[in-house]
Amino acid sequence: MAEPLPQCYLNGEYVALRDARISPLDRGFLFGDSVYEVLPVFSGRMFLFAEHFDRLARSLHEIKLENPHTHEQWRGILEELIARNGAADQYVYVQVTRGMEFGRNHAFPAVVKPTVFAMASPLPVFSDAQRAAGLSAITVEDFRWGRCDIKSTALLANVLMKQQAAEAGANEALILRDGNVMEGSSTSVFVVKNGTVVTPPNSHRILPGTTRDAALSLIKGVMPVEIRSVSIDELRAADEVWISAATRDVVPVTRVDGAPIGTGKPGPAWLRLAASFAQLRQKLAGTPAYTPER
């Protein structure tokens, strides 16, 4: 992973990321009492801004934390951050914590100001070698908390799963519960069988994926889609398996638990979808960058 870009936003100010500081009594630090959002930026234009910040608003509502900004205010903050960092393609990370009180109490403080933080980083590059070979994954049993639909920063279980994948020489961990595939440790999951794309339904066990939804929109009318449970047997017998994330669009998984998926190479359905995403990014790059009123 490349280093983050130099400028960040913290509580109303743009500062050098290396100089940014928060209190050790911040509830995000002490309890993971915070939520976050990630969205890609192509040619200086934010991708699916409204969808990502609708999801942030939902996460804030679910943890009973008032949204500190309107969508237009968020847009203005991030447009300025993107411009200050100057990179055409990047991704933005936003985090809102419940803030700091002088002490450590599990119950919410009566009055506290949220901590708002945002930073930008270069977009990861899906290399030619990865494009030719695809990624690998392992399967892991689900031991996360019961509200995975909230984009919480309390990601220790996901971190441990991703580390298990890394130690196995794999790129992702696909999470299983009761014999069904939920999602990846940081991705949504699709399987393709006999020309039909299948992806698990949203629930408290799955984070609603904005990139997943964008992919489904591109697929609609081109391939049949089923939103239903996906068993581990269906995963292993699939013709193709894909994972999606804001920083990577949709990428193919060609090996799971050491065994090949389909031919063991990225399949034709993914190649068509990748071309559609490329066209979407190109179209976005040709539109004027949004300039909010300040």
C-alpha atoms as a PDB file:
ATOM      1  CA  MET A   1       0.000   0.000   0.000  1.00  0.00           C
ATOM      2  CA  ALA A   2       1.287   3.446  -0.912  1.00  0.00           C
ATOM      3  CA  GLU A   3       1.608   6.101   1.788  1.00  0.00           C
ATOM      4  CA  PRO A   4      -1.394   8.400   2.319  1.00  0.00           C
ATOM      5  CA  LEU A   5      -1.384  11.782   0.635  1.00  0.00           C
ATOM      6  CA  PRO A   6       0.022  14.626   2.747  1.00  0.00           C
ATOM      7  CA  GLN A   7      -3.015  16.760   3.644  1.00  0.00           C
ATOM      8  CA  CYS A   8      -5.908  15.722   5.891  1.00  0.00           C
ATOM      9  CA  TYR A   9      -8.987  17.333   7.410  1.00  0.00           C
ATOM     10  CA  LEU A  10      -9.479  17.321  11.166  1.00  0.00           C
ATOM     11  CA  ASN A  11     -12.275  19.124  13.000  1.00  0.00           C
ATOM     12  CA  GLY A  12     -12.649  22.024  10.611  1.00  0.00           C
ATOM     13  CA  GLU A  13      -9.004  22.464   9.594  1.00  0.00           C
ATOM     14  CA  TYR A  14      -6.779  21.180   6.805  1.00  0.00           C
ATOM     15  CA  VAL A  15      -3.444  20.128   8.264  1.00  0.00           C
ATOM     16  CA  ALA A  16      -0.462  17.976   7.386  1.00  0.00           C
ATOM     17  CA  LEU A  17      -1.427  14.362   8.099  1.00  0.00           C
ATOM     18  CA  ARG A  18       1.804  13.808  10.017  1.00  0.00           C
ATOM     19  CA  ASP A  19       0.884  16.690  12.350  1.00  0.00           C
ATOM     20  CA  ALA A  20      -2.749  15.673  12.993  1.00  0.00           C
ATOM     21  CA  ARG A  21      -3.537  14.877  16.641  1.00  0.00           C
ATOM     22  CA  ILE A  22      -6.563  13.760  18.644  1.00  0.00           C
ATOM     23  CA  SER A  23      -7.009  13.151  22.369  1.00  0.00           C
ATOM     24  CA  PRO A  24      -6.328   9.640  23.718  1.00  0.00           C
ATOM     25  CA  LEU A  25      -9.671  10.063  25.487  1.00  0.00           C
ATOM     26  CA  ASP A  26     -11.528  10.165  22.177  1.00  0.00           C
ATOM     27  CA  ARG A  27     -14.262   7.530  22.242  1.00  0.00           C
ATOM     28  CA  GLY A  28     -13.222   6.292  18.819  1.00  0.00           C
ATOM     29  CA  PHE A  29      -9.837   5.405  20.325  1.00  0.00           C
ATOM     30  CA  LEU A  30     -11.163   4.018  23.622  1.00  0.00           C
ATOM     31  CA  PHE A  31     -14.252   2.139  22.440  1.00  0.00           C
ATOM     32  CA  GLY A  32     -14.283   2.080  18.643  1.00  0.00           C
ATOM     33  CA  ASP A  33     -17.328   4.330  19.102  1.00  0.00           C
ATOM     34  CA  SER A  34     -17.188   5.637  15.564  1.00  0.00           C
ATOM     35  CA  VAL A  35     -18.117   4.943  11.959  1.00  0.00           C
ATOM     36  CA  TYR A  36     -16.343   5.519   8.670  1.00  0.00           C
ATOM     37  CA  GLU A  37     -16.758   5.686   4.927  1.00  0.00           C
ATOM     38  CA  VAL A  38     -14.448   5.164   1.945  1.00  0.00           C
ATOM     39  CA  LEU A  39     -15.046   6.399  -1.592  1.00  0.00           C
ATOM     40  CA  PRO A  40     -12.907   6.428  -4.726  1.00  0.00           C
ATOM     41  CA  VAL A  41     -11.951   9.515  -6.703  1.00  0.00           C
ATOM     42  CA  PHE A  42     -11.305   9.244 -10.441  1.00  0.00           C
ATOM     43  CA  SER A  43      -9.662  12.154 -12.276  1.00  0.00           C
ATOM     44  CA  GLY A  44     -10.495  14.366  -9.309  1.00  0.00           C
ATOM     45  CA  ARG A  45     -14.204  13.367  -9.327  1.00  0.00           C
ATOM     46  CA  MET A  46     -15.787  11.515  -6.429  1.00  0.00           C
ATOM     47  CA  PHE A  47     -17.538   8.297  -7.449  1.00  0.00           C
ATOM     48  CA  LEU A  48     -21.006   7.542  -6.020  1.00  0.00           C
ATOM     49  CA  PHE A  49     -20.736  10.378  -3.501  1.00  0.00           C
ATOM     50  CA  ALA A  50     -24.450  10.416  -2.602  1.00  0.00           C
ATOM     51  CA  GLU A  51     -24.588   6.640  -2.130  1.00  0.00           C
ATOM     52  CA  HIS A  52     -21.526   6.590   0.114  1.00  0.00           C
ATOM     53  CA  PHE A  53     -22.737   9.453   2.267  1.00  0.00           C
ATOM     54  CA  ASP A  54     -26.242   8.043   2.482  1.00  0.00           C
ATOM     55  CA  ARG A  55     -24.552   4.971   3.967  1.00  0.00           C
ATOM     56  CA  LEU A  56     -22.503   7.128   6.348  1.00  0.00           C
ATOM     57  CA  ALA A  57     -25.703   8.880   7.470  1.00  0.00           C
ATOM     58  CA  ARG A  58     -27.339   5.484   8.050  1.00  0.00           C
ATOM     59  CA  SER A  59     -24.377   4.239  10.110  1.00  0.00           C
ATOM     60  CA  LEU A  60     -24.434   7.410  12.220  1.00  0.00           C
ATOM     61  CA  HIS A  61     -28.176   7.026  12.773  1.00  0.00           C
ATOM     62  CA  GLU A  62     -27.762   3.403  13.845  1.00  0.00           C
ATOM     63  CA  ILE A  63     -25.212   4.326  16.542  1.00  0.00           C
ATOM     64  CA  LYS A  64     -27.353   7.320  17.632  1.00  0.00           C
ATOM     65  CA  LEU A  65     -24.810   9.942  16.611  1.00  0.00           C
ATOM     66  CA  GLU A  66     -26.037  13.077  14.878  1.00  0.00           C
ATOM     67  CA  ASN A  67     -24.496  13.672  11.462  1.00  0.00           C
ATOM     68  CA  PRO A  68     -22.158  16.669  11.899  1.00  0.00           C
ATOM     69  CA  HIS A  69     -22.613  17.826   8.281  1.00  0.00           C
ATOM     70  CA  THR A  70     -25.135  17.898   5.477  1.00  0.00           C
ATOM     71  CA  HIS A  71     -24.306  16.142   2.217  1.00  0.00           C
ATOM     72  CA  GLU A  72     -23.405  19.482   0.645  1.00  0.00           C
ATOM     73  CA  GLN A  73     -21.086  20.353   3.532  1.00  0.00           C
ATOM     74  CA  TRP A  74     -19.423  16.950   3.284  1.00  0.00           C
ATOM     75  CA  ARG A  75     -19.009  17.431  -0.443  1.00  0.00           C
ATOM     76  CA  GLY A  76     -17.357  20.814   0.070  1.00  0.00           C
ATOM     77  CA  ILE A  77     -14.970  19.450   2.706  1.00  0.00           C
ATOM     78  CA  LEU A  78     -13.877  16.559   0.507  1.00  0.00           C
ATOM     79  CA  GLU A  79     -13.597  18.559  -2.724  1.00  0.00           C
ATOM     80  CA  GLU A  80     -11.194  20.866  -0.911  1.00  0.00           C
ATOM     81  CA  LEU A  81      -9.236  17.923   0.511  1.00  0.00           C
ATOM     82  CA  ILE A  82      -8.966  16.325  -2.936  1.00  0.00           C
ATOM     83  CA  ALA A  83      -7.773  19.597  -4.474  1.00  0.00           C
ATOM     84  CA  ARG A  84      -5.185  20.167  -1.745  1.00  0.00           C
ATOM     85  CA  ASN A  85      -3.710  16.707  -2.320  1.00  0.00           C
ATOM     86  CA  GLY A  86      -3.608  17.200  -6.071  1.00  0.00           C
ATOM     87  CA  ALA A  87      -3.777  13.546  -7.095  1.00  0.00           C
ATOM     88  CA  ALA A  88      -6.197  12.746  -9.909  1.00  0.00           C
ATOM     89  CA  ASP A  89      -6.997   9.184  -8.807  1.00  0.00           C
ATOM     90  CA  GLN A  90      -7.214   8.607  -5.064  1.00  0.00           C
ATOM     91  CA  TYR A  91      -9.581   7.419  -2.403  1.00  0.00           C
ATOM     92  CA  VAL A  92     -10.925   9.334   0.561  1.00  0.00           C
ATOM     93  CA  TYR A  93     -11.375   7.912   4.058  1.00  0.00           C
ATOM     94  CA  VAL A  94     -13.817   9.679   6.411  1.00  0.00           C
ATOM     95  CA  GLN A  95     -14.280   8.884  10.108  1.00  0.00           C
ATOM     96  CA  VAL A  96     -16.701  10.349  12.647  1.00  0.00           C
ATOM     97  CA  THR A  97     -16.308   9.492  16.328  1.00  0.00           C
ATOM     98  CA  ARG A  98     -18.590  10.396  19.195  1.00  0.00           C
ATOM     99  CA  GLY A  99     -15.823  12.670  20.430  1.00  0.00           C
ATOM    100  CA  MET A 100     -13.894  13.131  23.656  1.00  0.00           C
ATOM    101  CA  GLU A 101     -14.982  13.419  27.246  1.00  0.00           C
ATOM    102  CA  PHE A 102     -12.644  13.716  30.218  1.00  0.00           C
ATOM    103  CA  GLY A 103     -12.940  10.171  31.449  1.00  0.00           C
ATOM    104  CA  ARG A 104     -13.920   6.702  30.264  1.00  0.00           C
ATOM    105  CA  ASN A 105     -17.619   5.901  30.536  1.00  0.00           C
ATOM    106  CA  HIS A 106     -19.407   3.281  28.486  1.00  0.00           C
ATOM    107  CA  ALA A 107     -22.685   5.215  28.348  1.00  0.00           C
ATOM    108  CA  PHE A 108     -22.858   8.173  25.961  1.00  0.00           C
ATOM    109  CA  PRO A 109     -21.697  11.496  27.414  1.00  0.00           C
ATOM    110  CA  ALA A 110     -24.467  14.082  27.795  1.00  0.00           C
ATOM    111  CA  VAL A 111     -22.781  16.720  25.631  1.00  0.00           C
ATOM    112  CA  VAL A 112     -19.801  16.063  23.396  1.00  0.00           C
ATOM    113  CA  LYS A 113     -18.552  17.336  20.052  1.00  0.00           C
ATOM    114  CA  PRO A 114     -17.909  14.649  17.411  1.00  0.00           C
ATOM    115  CA  THR A 115     -14.417  14.221  16.019  1.00  0.00           C
ATOM    116  CA  VAL A 116     -14.415  14.480  12.210  1.00  0.00           C
ATOM    117  CA  PHE A 117     -11.406  13.243  10.271  1.00  0.00           C
ATOM    118  CA  ALA A 118     -10.723  12.696   6.573  1.00  0.00           C
ATOM    119  CA  MET A 119      -7.637  11.703   4.625  1.00  0.00           C
ATOM    120  CA  ALA A 120      -6.777  10.697   1.060  1.00  0.00           C
ATOM    121  CA  SER A 121      -4.568   7.955  -0.337  1.00  0.00           C
ATOM    122  CA  PRO A 122      -3.516   6.789  -3.806  1.00  0.00           C
ATOM    123  CA  LEU A 123      -5.858   4.236  -5.344  1.00  0.00           C
ATOM    124  CA  PRO A 124      -4.409   0.702  -5.324  1.00  0.00           C
ATOM    125  CA  VAL A 125      -3.450  -0.483  -8.798  1.00  0.00           C
ATOM    126  CA  PHE A 126      -4.812  -3.789 -10.094  1.00  0.00           C
ATOM    127  CA  SER A 127      -1.672  -4.942 -11.852  1.00  0.00           C
ATOM    128  CA  ASP A 128      -1.425  -6.648 -15.241  1.00  0.00           C
ATOM    129  CA  ALA A 129      -0.237  -9.799 -13.461  1.00  0.00           C
ATOM    130  CA  GLN A 130      -3.259  -9.773 -11.147  1.00  0.00           C
ATOM    131  CA  ARG A 131      -5.554  -9.072 -14.071  1.00  0.00           C
ATOM    132  CA  ALA A 132      -4.184 -12.139 -15.862  1.00  0.00           C
ATOM    133  CA  ALA A 133      -4.148 -14.476 -12.859  1.00  0.00           C
ATOM    134  CA  GLY A 134      -6.866 -13.143 -10.531  1.00  0.00           C
ATOM    135  CA  LEU A 135      -6.715 -13.076  -6.737  1.00  0.00           C
ATOM    136  CA  SER A 136      -6.793 -15.846  -4.161  1.00  0.00           C
ATOM    137  CA  ALA A 137      -8.940 -16.244  -1.057  1.00  0.00           C
ATOM    138  CA  ILE A 138      -9.448 -18.486   1.924  1.00  0.00           C
ATOM    139  CA  THR A 139     -12.684 -19.178   3.797  1.00  0.00           C
ATOM    140  CA  VAL A 140     -13.082 -18.372   7.503  1.00  0.00           C
ATOM    141  CA  GLU A 141     -15.907 -18.841   9.990  1.00  0.00           C
ATOM    142  CA  ASP A 142     -17.711 -15.692  11.074  1.00  0.00           C
ATOM    143  CA  PHE A 143     -16.859 -14.433  14.557  1.00  0.00           C
ATOM    144  CA  ARG A 144     -17.806 -10.775  14.089  1.00  0.00           C
ATOM    145  CA  TRP A 145     -20.418  -8.850  16.075  1.00  0.00           C
ATOM    146  CA  GLY A 146     -24.092  -8.944  15.113  1.00  0.00           C
ATOM    147  CA  ARG A 147     -24.388  -5.558  13.333  1.00  0.00           C
ATOM    148  CA  CYS A 148     -22.072  -5.840  10.353  1.00  0.00           C
ATOM    149  CA  ASP A 149     -24.444  -3.553   8.416  1.00  0.00           C
ATOM    150  CA  ILE A 150     -23.027  -0.605  10.398  1.00  0.00           C
ATOM    151  CA  LYS A 151     -19.728   0.598   8.931  1.00  0.00           C
ATOM    152  CA  SER A 152     -18.076   0.691  12.332  1.00  0.00           C
ATOM    153  CA  THR A 153     -14.372   1.258  12.917  1.00  0.00           C
ATOM    154  CA  ALA A 154     -14.446  -1.651  15.393  1.00  0.00           C
ATOM    155  CA  LEU A 155     -12.863  -3.992  12.853  1.00  0.00           C
ATOM    156  CA  LEU A 156     -10.681  -6.279  14.978  1.00  0.00           C
ATOM    157  CA  ALA A 157     -12.397  -9.454  13.741  1.00  0.00           C
ATOM    158  CA  ASN A 158     -11.993  -8.314  10.119  1.00  0.00           C
ATOM    159  CA  VAL A 159      -8.343  -7.473  10.761  1.00  0.00           C
ATOM    160  CA  LEU A 160      -7.703 -10.943  12.196  1.00  0.00           C
ATOM    161  CA  MET A 161      -9.429 -12.555   9.213  1.00  0.00           C
ATOM    162  CA  LYS A 162      -7.421 -10.492   6.727  1.00  0.00           C
ATOM    163  CA  GLN A 163      -4.225 -11.391   8.573  1.00  0.00           C
ATOM    164  CA  GLN A 164      -5.162 -15.085   8.434  1.00  0.00           C
ATOM    165  CA  ALA A 165      -5.513 -14.704   4.669  1.00  0.00           C
ATOM    166  CA  ALA A 166      -2.163 -12.916   4.418  1.00  0.00           C
ATOM    167  CA  GLU A 167      -0.422 -15.646   6.417  1.00  0.00           C
ATOM    168  CA  ALA A 168      -1.926 -18.217   4.029  1.00  0.00           C
ATOM    169  CA  GLY A 169      -0.562 -16.268   1.040  1.00  0.00           C
ATOM    170  CA  ALA A 170      -4.063 -15.183  -0.012  1.00  0.00           C
ATOM    171  CA  ASN A 171      -5.532 -11.789  -0.832  1.00  0.00           C
ATOM    172  CA  GLU A 172      -8.891 -12.032   0.949  1.00  0.00           C
ATOM    173  CA  ALA A 173     -10.846 -13.994   3.553  1.00  0.00           C
ATOM    174  CA  LEU A 174     -14.387 -14.997   2.573  1.00  0.00           C
ATOM    175  CA  ILE A 175     -16.605 -15.186   5.633  1.00  0.00           C
ATOM    176  CA  LEU A 176     -18.900 -18.173   6.237  1.00  0.00           C
ATOM    177  CA  ARG A 177     -21.858 -18.473   8.599  1.00  0.00           C
ATOM    178  CA  ASP A 178     -24.036 -21.589   8.836  1.00  0.00           C
ATOM    179  CA  GLY A 179     -22.582 -22.908   5.588  1.00  0.00           C
ATOM    180  CA  ASN A 180     -23.306 -19.729   3.613  1.00  0.00           C
ATOM    181  CA  VAL A 181     -20.992 -17.038   2.257  1.00  0.00           C
ATOM    182  CA  MET A 182     -21.574 -13.630   3.849  1.00  0.00           C
ATOM    183  CA  GLU A 183     -18.935 -11.310   2.366  1.00  0.00           C
ATOM    184  CA  GLY A 184     -15.187 -10.805   2.409  1.00  0.00           C
ATOM    185  CA  SER A 185     -13.270  -9.280   5.306  1.00  0.00           C
ATOM    186  CA  SER A 186     -13.328  -5.964   3.405  1.00  0.00           C
ATOM    187  CA  THR A 187     -15.339  -6.783   0.267  1.00  0.00           C
ATOM    188  CA  SER A 188     -18.699  -7.883  -1.120  1.00  0.00           C
ATOM    189  CA  VAL A 189     -18.936 -11.269  -2.883  1.00  0.00           C
ATOM    190  CA  PHE A 190     -20.494 -12.454  -6.160  1.00  0.00           C
ATOM    191  CA  VAL A 191     -20.549 -15.915  -7.740  1.00  0.00           C
ATOM    192  CA  VAL A 192     -21.314 -16.673 -11.383  1.00  0.00           C
ATOM    193  CA  LYS A 193     -22.765 -20.007 -12.460  1.00  0.00           C
ATOM    194  CA  ASN A 194     -24.191 -20.892 -15.878  1.00  0.00           C
ATOM    195  CA  GLY A 195     -24.358 -17.236 -16.849  1.00  0.00           C
ATOM    196  CA  THR A 196     -26.204 -16.051 -13.709  1.00  0.00           C
ATOM    197  CA  VAL A 197     -24.699 -13.682 -11.130  1.00  0.00           C
ATOM    198  CA  VAL A 198     -25.611 -14.446  -7.513  1.00  0.00           C
ATOM    199  CA  THR A 199     -24.829 -12.268  -4.482  1.00  0.00           C
ATOM    200  CA  PRO A 200     -26.007 -12.558  -0.842  1.00  0.00           C
ATOM    201  CA  PRO A 201     -28.826 -10.274   0.329  1.00  0.00           C
ATOM    202  CA  ASN A 202     -28.225  -7.358   2.675  1.00  0.00           C
ATOM    203  CA  SER A 203     -28.837  -8.113   6.350  1.00  0.00           C
ATOM    204  CA  HIS A 204     -27.396  -7.270   9.761  1.00  0.00           C
ATOM    205  CA  ARG A 205     -24.629  -9.767   8.898  1.00  0.00           C
ATOM    206  CA  ILE A 206     -23.512  -7.945   5.725  1.00  0.00           C
ATOM    207  CA  LEU A 207     -22.388  -4.391   5.002  1.00  0.00           C
ATOM    208  CA  PRO A 208     -24.438  -2.940   2.119  1.00  0.00           C
ATOM    209  CA  GLY A 209     -21.884  -2.394  -0.659  1.00  0.00           C
ATOM    210  CA  THR A 210     -22.073   0.738  -2.798  1.00  0.00           C
ATOM    211  CA  THR A 211     -19.644  -0.709  -5.350  1.00  0.00           C
ATOM    212  CA  ARG A 212     -21.664  -3.934  -5.271  1.00  0.00           C
ATOM    213  CA  ASP A 213     -24.778  -1.942  -6.115  1.00  0.00           C
ATOM    214  CA  ALA A 214     -22.959  -0.143  -8.942  1.00  0.00           C
ATOM    215  CA  ALA A 215     -21.862  -3.508 -10.336  1.00  0.00           C
ATOM    216  CA  LEU A 216     -25.413  -4.842 -10.176  1.00  0.00           C
ATOM    217  CA  SER A 217     -26.613  -1.769 -12.084  1.00  0.00           C
ATOM    218  CA  LEU A 218     -24.053  -2.434 -14.824  1.00  0.00           C
ATOM    219  CA  ILE A 219     -24.991  -6.114 -14.998  1.00  0.00           C
ATOM    220  CA  LYS A 220     -28.749  -5.468 -15.129  1.00  0.00           C
ATOM    221  CA  GLY A 221     -30.133  -6.339 -18.537  1.00  0.00           C
ATOM    222  CA  VAL A 222     -26.881  -8.044 -19.556  1.00  0.00           C
ATOM    223  CA  MET A 223     -26.883 -11.091 -17.273  1.00  0.00           C
ATOM    224  CA  PRO A 224     -29.504 -12.612 -14.956  1.00  0.00           C
ATOM    225  CA  VAL A 225     -29.010 -11.643 -11.292  1.00  0.00           C
ATOM    226  CA  GLU A 226     -30.188 -13.465  -8.169  1.00  0.00           C
ATOM    227  CA  ILE A 227     -29.931 -11.910  -4.708  1.00  0.00           C
ATOM    228  CA  ARG A 228     -30.078 -14.851  -2.325  1.00  0.00           C
ATOM    229  CA  SER A 229     -27.974 -16.938   0.022  1.00  0.00           C
ATOM    230  CA  VAL A 230     -24.842 -18.513  -1.472  1.00  0.00           C
ATOM    231  CA  SER A 231     -23.676 -21.814   0.002  1.00  0.00           C
ATOM    232  CA  ILE A 232     -20.045 -22.795   0.358  1.00  0.00           C
ATOM    233  CA  ASP A 233     -20.664 -25.592  -2.158  1.00  0.00           C
ATOM    234  CA  GLU A 234     -21.955 -23.053  -4.697  1.00  0.00           C
ATOM    235  CA  LEU A 235     -18.882 -20.909  -4.092  1.00  0.00           C
ATOM    236  CA  ARG A 236     -16.521 -23.795  -4.779  1.00  0.00           C
ATOM    237  CA  ALA A 237     -18.482 -24.973  -7.836  1.00  0.00           C
ATOM    238  CA  ALA A 238     -18.828 -21.490  -9.354  1.00  0.00           C
ATOM    239  CA  ASP A 239     -17.645 -20.648 -12.856  1.00  0.00           C
ATOM    240  CA  GLU A 240     -16.406 -17.290 -11.565  1.00  0.00           C
ATOM    241  CA  VAL A 241     -16.105 -15.551  -8.196  1.00  0.00           C
ATOM    242  CA  TRP A 242     -15.741 -11.776  -7.818  1.00  0.00           C
ATOM    243  CA  ILE A 243     -15.176  -9.443  -4.900  1.00  0.00           C
ATOM    244  CA  SER A 244     -15.896  -5.721  -4.869  1.00  0.00           C
ATOM    245  CA  ALA A 245     -14.700  -2.754  -2.828  1.00  0.00           C
ATOM    246  CA  ALA A 246     -14.678   1.021  -3.209  1.00  0.00           C
ATOM    247  CA  THR A 247     -10.943   1.068  -3.842  1.00  0.00           C
ATOM    248  CA  ARG A 248     -10.898  -1.735  -6.427  1.00  0.00           C
ATOM    249  CA  ASP A 249     -14.192  -1.866  -8.337  1.00  0.00           C
ATOM    250  CA  VAL A 250     -14.859  -5.579  -8.925  1.00  0.00           C
ATOM    251  CA  VAL A 251     -11.949  -8.027  -9.174  1.00  0.00           C
ATOM    252  CA  PRO A 252     -11.869 -11.788  -9.868  1.00  0.00           C
ATOM    253  CA  VAL A 253     -11.006 -14.476  -7.335  1.00  0.00           C
ATOM    254  CA  THR A 254      -9.576 -17.484  -9.134  1.00  0.00           C
ATOM    255  CA  ARG A 255      -8.518 -19.692  -6.205  1.00  0.00           C
ATOM    256  CA  VAL A 256     -10.345 -20.412  -2.929  1.00  0.00           C
ATOM    257  CA  ASP A 257      -8.697 -22.483  -0.206  1.00  0.00           C
ATOM    258  CA  GLY A 258      -6.042 -23.448  -2.735  1.00  0.00           C
ATOM    259  CA  ALA A 259      -8.480 -24.885  -5.287  1.00  0.00           C
ATOM    260  CA  PRO A 260      -9.176 -23.234  -8.657  1.00  0.00           C
ATOM    261  CA  ILE A 261     -12.474 -21.518  -9.395  1.00  0.00           C
ATOM    262  CA  GLY A 262     -13.704 -22.449 -12.865  1.00  0.00           C
ATOM    263  CA  THR A 263     -10.705 -22.454 -15.204  1.00  0.00           C
ATOM    264  CA  GLY A 264      -8.478 -20.866 -12.551  1.00  0.00           C
ATOM    265  CA  LYS A 265      -8.305 -17.670 -14.623  1.00  0.00           C
ATOM    266  CA  PRO A 266     -10.460 -14.512 -14.751  1.00  0.00           C
ATOM    267  CA  GLY A 267     -13.602 -15.385 -16.699  1.00  0.00           C
ATOM    268  CA  PRO A 268     -15.455 -13.749 -19.578  1.00  0.00           C
ATOM    269  CA  ALA A 269     -18.258 -12.335 -17.413  1.00  0.00           C
ATOM    270  CA  TRP A 270     -15.751 -10.450 -15.264  1.00  0.00           C
ATOM    271  CA  LEU A 271     -13.911  -9.167 -18.348  1.00  0.00           C
ATOM    272  CA  ARG A 272     -17.183  -7.674 -19.629  1.00  0.00           C
ATOM    273  CA  LEU A 273     -17.947  -6.099 -16.257  1.00  0.00           C
ATOM    274  CA  ALA A 274     -14.408  -4.700 -15.955  1.00  0.00           C
ATOM    275  CA  ALA A 275     -14.806  -3.073 -19.360  1.00  0.00           C
ATOM    276  CA  SER A 276     -18.123  -1.541 -18.250  1.00  0.00           C
ATOM    277  CA  PHE A 277     -16.496  -0.113 -15.119  1.00  0.00           C
ATOM    278  CA  ALA A 278     -13.670   1.321 -17.228  1.00  0.00           C
ATOM    279  CA  GLN A 279     -16.228   3.042 -19.465  1.00  0.00           C
ATOM    280  CA  LEU A 280     -18.011   4.413 -16.396  1.00  0.00           C
ATOM    281  CA  ARG A 281     -14.774   5.862 -15.028  1.00  0.00           C
ATOM    282  CA  GLN A 282     -13.945   7.363 -18.421  1.00  0.00           C
ATOM    283  CA  LYS A 283     -17.387   8.965 -18.576  1.00  0.00           C
ATOM    284  CA  LEU A 284     -16.912  10.387 -15.084  1.00  0.00           C
ATOM    285  CA  ALA A 285     -13.519  11.797 -16.046  1.00  0.00           C
ATOM    286  CA  GLY A 286     -15.157  13.679 -18.905  1.00  0.00           C
ATOM    287  CA  THR A 287     -17.647  15.494 -16.668  1.00  0.00           C
ATOM    288  CA  PRO A 288     -16.870  18.793 -14.910  1.00  0.00           C
ATOM    289  CA  ALA A 289     -15.642  18.452 -11.352  1.00  0.00           C
ATOM    290  CA  TYR A 290     -18.300  19.499  -8.864  1.00  0.00           C
ATOM    291  CA  THR A 291     -17.538  22.857  -7.265  1.00  0.00           C
ATOM    292  CA  PRO A 292     -19.668  23.397  -4.170  1.00  0.00           C
ATOM    293  CA  GLU A 293     -20.729  26.817  -2.997  1.00  0.00           C
ATOM    294  CA  ARG A 294     -18.883  27.906   0.106  1.00  0.00           C
END
